[in-house]
C-alpha atoms as a PDB file:
ATOM      1  CA  MET A   1      70.355 225.185   6.594  1.00  0.00           C
ATOM      2  CA  GLU A   2      67.541 222.763   6.628  1.00  0.00           C
ATOM      3  CA  ASN A   3      65.152 221.842   9.192  1.00  0.00           C
ATOM      4  CA  TYR A   4      65.741 218.546  11.105  1.00  0.00           C
ATOM      5  CA  GLU A   5      63.517 219.139  14.080  1.00  0.00           C
ATOM      6  CA  ASN A   6      61.186 217.238  15.811  1.00  0.00           C
ATOM      7  CA  HIS A   7      62.405 213.788  14.412  1.00  0.00           C
ATOM      8  CA  TYR A   8      62.112 210.678  17.066  1.00  0.00           C
ATOM      9  CA  PRO A   9      65.422 210.093  18.725  1.00  0.00           C
ATOM     10  CA  ILE A  10      67.424 207.080  17.498  1.00  0.00           C
ATOM     11  CA  LYS A  11      66.878 205.114  20.273  1.00  0.00           C
ATOM     12  CA  ASN A  12      63.501 205.140  19.684  1.00  0.00           C
ATOM     13  CA  TRP A  13      63.889 203.526  15.812  1.00  0.00           C
ATOM     14  CA  ALA A  14      63.439 200.178  14.704  1.00  0.00           C
ATOM     15  CA  GLU A  15      66.761 198.176  15.373  1.00  0.00           C
ATOM     16  CA  GLU A  16      67.694 197.756  11.911  1.00  0.00           C
ATOM     17  CA  ASP A  17      67.483 201.745  11.416  1.00  0.00           C
ATOM     18  CA  ARG A  18      70.001 202.473  14.090  1.00  0.00           C
ATOM     19  CA  PRO A  19      73.369 203.628  12.570  1.00  0.00           C
ATOM     20  CA  ARG A  20      75.434 200.965  14.622  1.00  0.00           C
ATOM     21  CA  GLU A  21      72.887 198.144  14.771  1.00  0.00           C
ATOM     22  CA  LYS A  22      72.624 198.752  11.189  1.00  0.00           C
ATOM     23  CA  LEU A  23      76.260 198.499  10.671  1.00  0.00           C
ATOM     24  CA  LEU A  24      76.356 195.181  12.343  1.00  0.00           C
ATOM     25  CA  LEU A  25      73.460 193.553  10.650  1.00  0.00           C
ATOM     26  CA  LYS A  26      74.255 194.811   7.103  1.00  0.00           C
ATOM     27  CA  GLY A  27      77.877 195.881   6.890  1.00  0.00           C
ATOM     28  CA  LYS A  28      79.494 199.428   6.425  1.00  0.00           C
ATOM     29  CA  ASN A  29      78.300 199.770   3.087  1.00  0.00           C
ATOM     30  CA  ALA A  30      75.006 200.358   4.033  1.00  0.00           C
ATOM     31  CA  LEU A  31      75.042 203.131   5.796  1.00  0.00           C
ATOM     32  CA  SER A  32      74.878 206.552   4.321  1.00  0.00           C
ATOM     33  CA  ASP A  33      77.356 209.429   4.820  1.00  0.00           C
ATOM     34  CA  ALA A  34      75.211 210.977   7.544  1.00  0.00           C
ATOM     35  CA  GLU A  35      74.847 208.055   9.581  1.00  0.00           C
ATOM     36  CA  LEU A  36      78.421 207.296   9.629  1.00  0.00           C
ATOM     37  CA  ILE A  37      78.966 210.463  10.765  1.00  0.00           C
ATOM     38  CA  ALA A  38      76.234 209.888  13.489  1.00  0.00           C
ATOM     39  CA  ILE A  39      77.842 206.803  14.994  1.00  0.00           C
ATOM     40  CA  LEU A  40      80.909 209.384  15.660  1.00  0.00           C
ATOM     41  CA  LEU A  41      78.807 211.620  17.439  1.00  0.00           C
ATOM     42  CA  ARG A  42      77.377 209.195  19.469  1.00  0.00           C
ATOM     43  CA  PHE A  43      74.854 211.310  21.110  1.00  0.00           C
ATOM     44  CA  GLY A  44      72.470 214.123  19.595  1.00  0.00           C
ATOM     45  CA  THR A  45      70.288 216.742  21.460  1.00  0.00           C
ATOM     46  CA  GLN A  46      66.754 216.974  23.147  1.00  0.00           C
ATOM     47  CA  ASN A  47      65.629 218.168  19.775  1.00  0.00           C
ATOM     48  CA  GLU A  48      67.603 216.419  16.911  1.00  0.00           C
ATOM     49  CA  SER A  49      69.320 212.918  17.018  1.00  0.00           C
ATOM     50  CA  ALA A  50      72.613 212.179  15.866  1.00  0.00           C
ATOM     51  CA  VAL A  51      72.043 211.610  12.233  1.00  0.00           C
ATOM     52  CA  ASP A  52      69.898 215.155  11.974  1.00  0.00           C
ATOM     53  CA  ILE A  53      72.941 217.112  13.252  1.00  0.00           C
ATOM     54  CA  ALA A  54      75.007 214.785  10.373  1.00  0.00           C
ATOM     55  CA  LYS A  55      72.645 215.887   7.890  1.00  0.00           C
ATOM     56  CA  GLY A  56      72.859 219.256   8.711  1.00  0.00           C
ATOM     57  CA  ILE A  57      76.762 219.145   8.692  1.00  0.00           C
ATOM     58  CA  LEU A  58      76.444 217.319   5.106  1.00  0.00           C
ATOM     59  CA  TYR A  59      73.891 219.750   4.092  1.00  0.00           C
ATOM     60  CA  ASN A  60      76.137 223.047   4.875  1.00  0.00           C
ATOM     61  CA  ALA A  61      78.871 221.223   2.896  1.00  0.00           C
ATOM     62  CA  GLY A  62      76.894 220.747  -0.273  1.00  0.00           C
ATOM     63  CA  GLU A  63      77.001 216.930   0.548  1.00  0.00           C
ATOM     64  CA  ASN A  64      80.590 216.719   0.177  1.00  0.00           C
ATOM     65  CA  LEU A  65      82.694 215.260   2.118  1.00  0.00           C
ATOM     66  CA  ILE A  66      85.533 216.739   1.024  1.00  0.00           C
ATOM     67  CA  GLU A  67      83.959 220.080   2.069  1.00  0.00           C
ATOM     68  CA  VAL A  68      83.283 218.526   5.579  1.00  0.00           C
ATOM     69  CA  SER A  69      87.016 218.081   5.962  1.00  0.00           C
ATOM     70  CA  LYS A  70      87.790 221.580   5.108  1.00  0.00           C
ATOM     71  CA  MET A  71      85.709 222.614   8.241  1.00  0.00           C
ATOM     72  CA  SER A  72      87.855 223.469  11.217  1.00  0.00           C
ATOM     73  CA  ILE A  73      87.138 222.580  14.771  1.00  0.00           C
ATOM     74  CA  SER A  74      85.790 226.125  15.587  1.00  0.00           C
ATOM     75  CA  ASP A  75      83.694 225.532  12.480  1.00  0.00           C
ATOM     76  CA  LEU A  76      82.075 222.347  13.223  1.00  0.00           C
ATOM     77  CA  MET A  77      81.251 223.698  17.087  1.00  0.00           C
ATOM     78  CA  GLU A  78      78.911 226.455  15.255  1.00  0.00           C
ATOM     79  CA  PHE A  79      76.437 223.287  14.570  1.00  0.00           C
ATOM     80  CA  LYS A  80      74.275 223.015  17.597  1.00  0.00           C
ATOM     81  CA  GLY A  81      75.033 219.976  19.594  1.00  0.00           C
ATOM     82  CA  ILE A  82      78.775 219.790  18.494  1.00  0.00           C
ATOM     83  CA  GLY A  83      81.139 220.309  21.263  1.00  0.00           C
ATOM     84  CA  PHE A  84      84.681 220.326  21.145  1.00  0.00           C
ATOM     85  CA  VAL A  85      85.209 216.625  21.678  1.00  0.00           C
ATOM     86  CA  LYS A  86      82.901 215.915  18.866  1.00  0.00           C
ATOM     87  CA  ALA A  87      84.446 218.032  16.978  1.00  0.00           C
ATOM     88  CA  VAL A  88      87.732 216.953  17.415  1.00  0.00           C
ATOM     89  CA  THR A  89      86.553 213.400  16.876  1.00  0.00           C
ATOM     90  CA  LEU A  90      85.245 214.473  13.392  1.00  0.00           C
ATOM     91  CA  VAL A  91      88.504 216.082  12.225  1.00  0.00           C
ATOM     92  CA  ALA A  92      90.380 213.275  13.693  1.00  0.00           C
ATOM     93  CA  ALA A  93      88.445 210.452  11.713  1.00  0.00           C
ATOM     94  CA  LEU A  94      88.550 212.621   8.205  1.00  0.00           C
ATOM     95  CA  GLU A  95      92.284 213.156   8.748  1.00  0.00           C
ATOM     96  CA  LEU A  96      92.885 209.219   9.525  1.00  0.00           C
ATOM     97  CA  GLY A  97      90.394 208.797   6.150  1.00  0.00           C
ATOM     98  CA  LYS A  98      92.716 211.188   4.011  1.00  0.00           C
ATOM     99  CA  ARG A  99      95.750 209.084   5.300  1.00  0.00           C
ATOM    100  CA  ARG A 100      94.472 206.003   4.703  1.00  0.00           C
ATOM    101  CA  ASN A 101      93.598 206.985   0.897  1.00  0.00           C
ATOM    102  CA  GLU A 102      97.312 207.971   0.809  1.00  0.00           C
ATOM    103  CA  SER A 103      98.426 204.987   1.877  1.00  0.00           C
ATOM    104  CA  GLU A 104      96.163 203.061  -0.549  1.00  0.00           C
ATOM    105  CA  VAL A 105      97.455 204.733  -3.419  1.00  0.00           C
ATOM    106  CA  MET A 106     100.976 204.614  -2.663  1.00  0.00           C
ATOM    107  CA  VAL A 107     100.747 200.892  -2.797  1.00  0.00           C
ATOM    108  CA  LYS A 108     100.262 201.417  -6.891  1.00  0.00           C
ATOM    109  CA  GLU A 109     104.038 202.767  -6.981  1.00  0.00           C
ATOM    110  CA  LYS A 110     104.344 202.994 -10.764  1.00  0.00           C
ATOM    111  CA  ILE A 111     102.963 205.928 -12.823  1.00  0.00           C
ATOM    112  CA  SER A 112     101.825 205.317 -16.014  1.00  0.00           C
ATOM    113  CA  GLY A 113      99.734 208.499 -16.951  1.00  0.00           C
ATOM    114  CA  SER A 114      98.345 211.776 -15.294  1.00  0.00           C
ATOM    115  CA  ARG A 115      95.259 209.935 -13.613  1.00  0.00           C
ATOM    116  CA  ASP A 116      97.886 208.079 -11.375  1.00  0.00           C
ATOM    117  CA  ALA A 117      99.605 211.185 -10.456  1.00  0.00           C
ATOM    118  CA  TYR A 118      96.456 212.768  -9.526  1.00  0.00           C
ATOM    119  CA  GLU A 119      95.235 210.367  -7.074  1.00  0.00           C
ATOM    120  CA  ILE A 120      98.785 210.997  -5.307  1.00  0.00           C
ATOM    121  CA  PHE A 121      98.288 214.663  -5.387  1.00  0.00           C
ATOM    122  CA  ARG A 122      94.684 214.451  -4.181  1.00  0.00           C
ATOM    123  CA  THR A 123      95.555 213.001  -1.281  1.00  0.00           C
ATOM    124  CA  VAL A 124      97.870 215.755   0.086  1.00  0.00           C
ATOM    125  CA  MET A 125      95.949 218.887  -1.447  1.00  0.00           C
ATOM    126  CA  SER A 126      92.308 217.971  -2.435  1.00  0.00           C
ATOM    127  CA  ASP A 127      91.011 219.523   1.113  1.00  0.00           C
ATOM    128  CA  GLN A 128      93.517 222.550   1.313  1.00  0.00           C
ATOM    129  CA  PRO A 129      92.256 226.248   1.472  1.00  0.00           C
ATOM    130  CA  TYR A 130      95.627 227.560   0.412  1.00  0.00           C
ATOM    131  CA  GLU A 131      97.893 226.816  -2.508  1.00  0.00           C
ATOM    132  CA  SER A 132     100.678 224.282  -2.401  1.00  0.00           C
ATOM    133  CA  PHE A 133     103.212 222.622  -4.646  1.00  0.00           C
ATOM    134  CA  TRP A 134     104.277 219.625  -4.366  1.00  0.00           C
ATOM    135  CA  ILE A 135     106.584 216.858  -6.418  1.00  0.00           C
ATOM    136  CA  ILE A 136     106.671 213.323  -6.971  1.00  0.00           C
ATOM    137  CA  LEU A 137     109.829 211.757  -7.598  1.00  0.00           C
ATOM    138  CA  LEU A 138     110.290 208.547 -10.136  1.00  0.00           C
ATOM    139  CA  ASN A 139     113.160 206.347 -10.825  1.00  0.00           C
ATOM    140  CA  LYS A 140     113.943 205.197 -14.327  1.00  0.00           C
ATOM    141  CA  ALA A 141     110.922 202.718 -14.339  1.00  0.00           C
ATOM    142  CA  ASN A 142     108.656 205.665 -13.338  1.00  0.00           C
ATOM    143  CA  LYS A 143     108.013 203.889  -9.715  1.00  0.00           C
ATOM    144  CA  VAL A 144     107.557 206.126  -6.766  1.00  0.00           C
ATOM    145  CA  ILE A 145     110.561 206.866  -4.678  1.00  0.00           C
ATOM    146  CA  ARG A 146     108.640 209.783  -2.631  1.00  0.00           C
ATOM    147  CA  LYS A 147     106.611 212.685  -2.995  1.00  0.00           C
ATOM    148  CA  SER A 148     107.454 216.068  -1.342  1.00  0.00           C
ATOM    149  CA  ASN A 149     106.224 219.283  -0.319  1.00  0.00           C
ATOM    150  CA  ILE A 150     108.131 221.988  -2.028  1.00  0.00           C
ATOM    151  CA  SER A 151     105.859 225.400  -0.909  1.00  0.00           C
ATOM    152  CA  GLU A 152     102.623 226.428   1.004  1.00  0.00           C
ATOM    153  CA  GLY A 153     101.136 230.091   0.128  1.00  0.00           C
ATOM    154  CA  GLY A 154      98.092 231.649   0.592  1.00  0.00           C
ATOM    155  CA  VAL A 155      94.632 231.168  -1.285  1.00  0.00           C
ATOM    156  CA  SER A 156      96.302 232.859  -4.526  1.00  0.00           C
ATOM    157  CA  GLY A 157      99.854 231.623  -4.951  1.00  0.00           C
ATOM    158  CA  THR A 158     103.011 230.129  -3.301  1.00  0.00           C
ATOM    159  CA  VAL A 159     106.489 230.619  -4.107  1.00  0.00           C
ATOM    160  CA  VAL A 160     108.440 227.775  -5.729  1.00  0.00           C
ATOM    161  CA  ASP A 161     112.192 227.795  -5.768  1.00  0.00           C
ATOM    162  CA  PRO A 162     113.635 225.265  -8.712  1.00  0.00           C
ATOM    163  CA  LYS A 163     116.679 224.856  -6.688  1.00  0.00           C
ATOM    164  CA  LYS A 164     114.923 223.422  -3.784  1.00  0.00           C
ATOM    165  CA  ILE A 165     113.151 221.032  -6.324  1.00  0.00           C
ATOM    166  CA  TYR A 166     116.198 219.658  -7.805  1.00  0.00           C
ATOM    167  CA  LYS A 167     118.327 219.676  -4.394  1.00  0.00           C
ATOM    168  CA  ILE A 168     115.712 217.111  -3.080  1.00  0.00           C
ATOM    169  CA  ALA A 169     115.514 215.161  -6.238  1.00  0.00           C
ATOM    170  CA  VAL A 170     119.459 214.626  -6.783  1.00  0.00           C
ATOM    171  CA  ASP A 171     119.298 214.002  -2.927  1.00  0.00           C
ATOM    172  CA  GLN A 172     116.797 210.928  -3.856  1.00  0.00           C
ATOM    173  CA  HIS A 173     118.326 209.991  -7.012  1.00  0.00           C
ATOM    174  CA  ALA A 174     115.086 210.735  -9.138  1.00  0.00           C
ATOM    175  CA  SER A 175     115.298 209.954 -12.969  1.00  0.00           C
ATOM    176  CA  SER A 176     112.291 212.248 -13.359  1.00  0.00           C
ATOM    177  CA  ILE A 177     109.714 214.274 -11.099  1.00  0.00           C
ATOM    178  CA  ILE A 178     105.966 215.374 -11.850  1.00  0.00           C
ATOM    179  CA  LEU A 179     104.945 218.701 -10.500  1.00  0.00           C
ATOM    180  CA  GLY A 180     101.648 219.413  -8.793  1.00  0.00           C
ATOM    181  CA  HIS A 181      99.608 222.259  -7.147  1.00  0.00           C
ATOM    182  CA  ASN A 182      96.284 223.335  -6.317  1.00  0.00           C
ATOM    183  CA  HIS A 183      94.203 226.321  -7.190  1.00  0.00           C
ATOM    184  CA  PRO A 184      91.616 226.296  -4.016  1.00  0.00           C
ATOM    185  CA  SER A 185      89.393 228.607  -6.290  1.00  0.00           C
ATOM    186  CA  GLY A 186      88.432 225.558  -8.080  1.00  0.00           C
ATOM    187  CA  ASN A 187      89.711 226.956 -11.556  1.00  0.00           C
ATOM    188  CA  ILE A 188      92.003 224.626 -13.129  1.00  0.00           C
ATOM    189  CA  GLN A 189      93.232 226.269 -15.851  1.00  0.00           C
ATOM    190  CA  PRO A 190      96.968 227.385 -15.883  1.00  0.00           C
ATOM    191  CA  SER A 191      97.812 230.916 -15.063  1.00  0.00           C
ATOM    192  CA  GLU A 192     100.607 232.791 -17.069  1.00  0.00           C
ATOM    193  CA  ALA A 193     102.533 232.272 -13.872  1.00  0.00           C
ATOM    194  CA  ASP A 194     101.870 228.479 -13.744  1.00  0.00           C
ATOM    195  CA  GLN A 195     103.080 228.239 -17.364  1.00  0.00           C
ATOM    196  CA  LYS A 196     106.314 230.288 -16.651  1.00  0.00           C
ATOM    197  CA  ILE A 197     107.144 228.406 -13.539  1.00  0.00           C
ATOM    198  CA  THR A 198     106.378 224.968 -15.426  1.00  0.00           C
ATOM    199  CA  LYS A 199     109.008 226.342 -18.340  1.00  0.00           C
ATOM    200  CA  LYS A 200     111.532 226.968 -15.920  1.00  0.00           C
ATOM    201  CA  ILE A 201     111.596 223.797 -13.767  1.00  0.00           C
ATOM    202  CA  LYS A 202     111.611 221.714 -16.963  1.00  0.00           C
ATOM    203  CA  GLU A 203     114.774 223.373 -18.478  1.00  0.00           C
ATOM    204  CA  ALA A 204     116.445 223.444 -15.159  1.00  0.00           C
ATOM    205  CA  GLY A 205     116.071 219.698 -14.992  1.00  0.00           C
ATOM    206  CA  ILE A 206     117.576 219.235 -18.820  1.00  0.00           C
ATOM    207  CA  MET A 207     120.868 220.512 -17.119  1.00  0.00           C
ATOM    208  CA  LEU A 208     120.303 217.835 -14.496  1.00  0.00           C
ATOM    209  CA  ASP A 209     119.018 215.100 -16.858  1.00  0.00           C
ATOM    210  CA  ILE A 210     116.150 214.918 -14.483  1.00  0.00           C
ATOM    211  CA  ALA A 211     112.975 215.347 -16.841  1.00  0.00           C
ATOM    212  CA  VAL A 212     109.836 216.518 -16.184  1.00  0.00           C
ATOM    213  CA  LEU A 213     107.268 214.352 -17.097  1.00  0.00           C
ATOM    214  CA  ASP A 214     104.192 216.446 -16.013  1.00  0.00           C
ATOM    215  CA  HIS A 215     102.393 219.391 -14.119  1.00  0.00           C
ATOM    216  CA  LEU A 216      99.255 218.658 -12.578  1.00  0.00           C
ATOM    217  CA  ILE A 217      96.747 221.856 -11.197  1.00  0.00           C
ATOM    218  CA  LEU A 218      94.541 220.563  -8.967  1.00  0.00           C
ATOM    219  CA  GLY A 219      90.777 221.926  -8.401  1.00  0.00           C
ATOM    220  CA  ASP A 220      87.329 220.721  -6.881  1.00  0.00           C
ATOM    221  CA  ASN A 221      87.988 217.137  -7.816  1.00  0.00           C
ATOM    222  CA  GLN A 222      89.360 217.788 -11.100  1.00  0.00           C
ATOM    223  CA  TYR A 223      92.910 218.368 -12.516  1.00  0.00           C
ATOM    224  CA  TYR A 224      94.481 219.941 -15.656  1.00  0.00           C
ATOM    225  CA  SER A 225      97.488 217.715 -17.279  1.00  0.00           C
ATOM    226  CA  PHE A 226     100.121 219.659 -18.841  1.00  0.00           C
ATOM    227  CA  ALA A 227     101.272 216.646 -20.518  1.00  0.00           C
ATOM    228  CA  ASP A 228      97.764 215.332 -21.371  1.00  0.00           C
ATOM    229  CA  GLU A 229      97.315 218.972 -23.347  1.00  0.00           C
ATOM    230  CA  GLY A 230     100.886 218.794 -24.715  1.00  0.00           C
ATOM    231  CA  THR A 231     101.579 222.072 -23.014  1.00  0.00           C
ATOM    232  CA  ILE A 232     104.895 220.877 -21.468  1.00  0.00           C
END
């Protein structure tokens, strides 16, 4: 980790450079990720300002907020100057941001392509350290009825039951569905098991007149679409 010692305390900074005052003077978009985190932390230590501690957290996460959101309370408490209260505050704030994105995405309602489906799946799977399987239920106009978690597993797989998928779809009067799951490894290429379960679910849907429009695999801020690749 970088050495952020020997920095001046925030109270000794110019007023326009202090995170809280900077937000008031210049607006939230003017602040860096580290400065926003520092506002949540409130205080630093004797040797490091809150901004320094925030930079250390980001550095450890590869400057990626999604990786920060994967950190547990105990992970965050390993950083000097982060106690239980600060760790809980960070976890809560990142979860709130995630839920805000989810609400924002659902306003769109209509799915017109794989990117729209990805944006919905991303809000529930992007920071999970284990594999999970979700579906998006659509009406005849391709508008979202709801999304539903089908199963959760370990880092290398999860069990998917087509009967559970179609029970939910029938109960919600869905005309079509989109499948989605994540690969915690970051590799978005479909495995043989992914291909088999996709085919199995699609064939089961034919009997019920519920179309499987796509199957997305998410990993490391990217995705694979069976529909886009012509493999469904």
